[in-house]
Protein backbone atom coordinates (compact mmCIF):
# COMPACT_ATOMS: atom_id res chain seq x y z
CA LEU A 1 4.78 -18.63 -4.87
CA GLY A 2 2.22 -18.75 -2.06
CA ALA A 3 0.90 -22.16 -3.03
CA ILE A 4 4.30 -23.87 -3.08
CA PRO A 5 4.90 -24.14 0.68
CA THR A 6 1.32 -25.11 1.45
CA LEU A 7 1.50 -27.92 -1.11
CA ALA A 8 4.93 -29.07 0.06
CA TRP A 9 4.21 -28.78 3.79
CA PRO A 10 0.50 -29.16 4.58
CA THR A 11 0.65 -27.25 7.85
CA PRO A 12 -0.61 -23.70 8.27
CA THR A 13 2.79 -22.62 9.58
CA TRP A 14 4.22 -22.27 6.07
CA LEU A 15 1.19 -20.32 4.89
CA TYR A 16 1.77 -17.83 7.71
CA VAL A 17 5.51 -17.71 7.03
CA THR A 18 4.75 -16.87 3.40
CA ILE A 19 2.30 -14.13 4.40
CA GLU A 20 4.88 -12.66 6.76
CA ALA A 21 7.53 -12.72 4.03
CA VAL A 22 5.24 -11.03 1.48
CA GLU A 23 4.08 -8.38 3.94
CA THR A 24 7.69 -7.68 4.94
CA PHE A 25 8.47 -7.00 1.28
CA VAL A 26 5.34 -4.85 0.93
CA GLU A 27 6.25 -2.75 3.98
CA ILE A 28 9.69 -2.03 2.53
CA HIS A 29 8.11 -1.14 -0.81
CA TYR A 30 5.70 1.31 0.84
CA LEU A 31 8.47 2.87 2.91
CA ASN A 32 10.57 3.40 -0.21
CA HIS A 33 7.77 5.68 -1.43
CA ILE A 34 6.69 7.21 1.87
CA GLN A 35 10.10 8.33 3.13
CA PRO A 36 10.99 10.56 0.14
CA LEU A 37 7.54 12.16 0.25
CA GLU A 38 7.93 12.88 3.96
CA GLU A 39 11.47 14.22 3.55
CA LYS A 40 10.33 16.64 0.84
CA ASN A 41 7.04 17.35 2.61
CA GLN A 42 5.22 16.63 -0.63
CA PHE A 43 1.67 15.40 -1.10
CA PRO A 44 0.76 15.13 2.60
CA GLU A 45 -2.65 13.55 1.97
CA LEU A 46 -1.16 10.88 -0.28
CA THR A 47 1.59 10.30 2.26
CA ARG A 48 -0.96 9.80 5.05
CA LEU A 49 -2.91 7.35 2.90
CA LEU A 50 0.24 5.39 2.03
CA ARG A 51 1.29 5.36 5.70
CA HIS A 52 -2.18 4.04 6.67
CA CYS A 53 -2.00 1.30 4.02
CA CYS A 54 1.53 0.39 5.13
CA GLU A 55 0.37 0.10 8.74
CA GLU A 56 -2.36 -2.33 7.66
CA GLU A 57 0.23 -4.48 5.90
CA VAL A 58 2.45 -4.40 8.99
CA HIS A 59 -0.53 -5.57 11.05
CA HIS A 60 -1.05 -8.48 8.61
CA ARG A 61 2.67 -9.31 8.82
CA ASP A 62 2.68 -9.28 12.62
CA ASP A 63 -0.50 -11.36 12.78
CA ALA A 64 0.99 -13.96 10.43
CA ALA A 65 4.22 -14.05 12.45
CA GLU A 66 2.26 -14.66 15.63
CA ARG A 67 0.15 -17.39 14.01
CA SER A 68 3.25 -19.13 12.63
CA GLY A 69 4.46 -19.69 16.17
CA MET A 70 7.89 -18.30 15.29
CA LEU A 71 9.56 -15.12 16.42
CA PRO A 72 8.87 -12.18 14.09
CA GLY A 73 11.53 -11.03 11.68
CA ALA A 74 13.46 -13.01 9.10
CA GLN A 75 16.71 -13.08 11.10
CA ALA A 76 15.03 -14.84 14.05
CA LYS A 77 13.80 -17.68 11.81
CA PRO A 78 15.34 -21.09 11.10
CA PHE A 79 17.64 -21.26 8.07
CA LEU A 80 15.08 -22.81 5.70
CA VAL A 81 12.55 -20.10 6.56
CA ARG A 82 15.16 -17.36 5.94
CA VAL A 83 15.82 -18.92 2.54
CA TRP A 84 12.08 -18.84 1.83
CA PHE A 85 11.95 -15.13 2.84
CA ALA A 86 14.73 -14.43 0.32
CA ILE A 87 12.93 -16.35 -2.43
CA VAL A 88 9.68 -14.48 -1.76
CA ALA A 89 11.48 -11.11 -1.73
CA GLY A 90 13.20 -11.95 -4.99
CA GLY A 91 9.95 -13.02 -6.63
CA SER A 92 7.93 -10.03 -5.47
């Protein structure tokens, strides 16, 4: 999926939009694992590691959002970009 927007629109903006979309999906995926572990207070070392990895992905997401020149978050994006976010989430 990542190559499609960069081939269709040869500007780095779409590359960054794609990175932001992927990292948004990855953050949600991490949180779906972290939150139950924290609620049950299970495997604290694993939970800390997952939280650290999630924070790195969030940093990548925020960096890509800044580089795209658009406001962060899918809802603040133009319609076509929101559609792309949905396609990336569905394909991840």
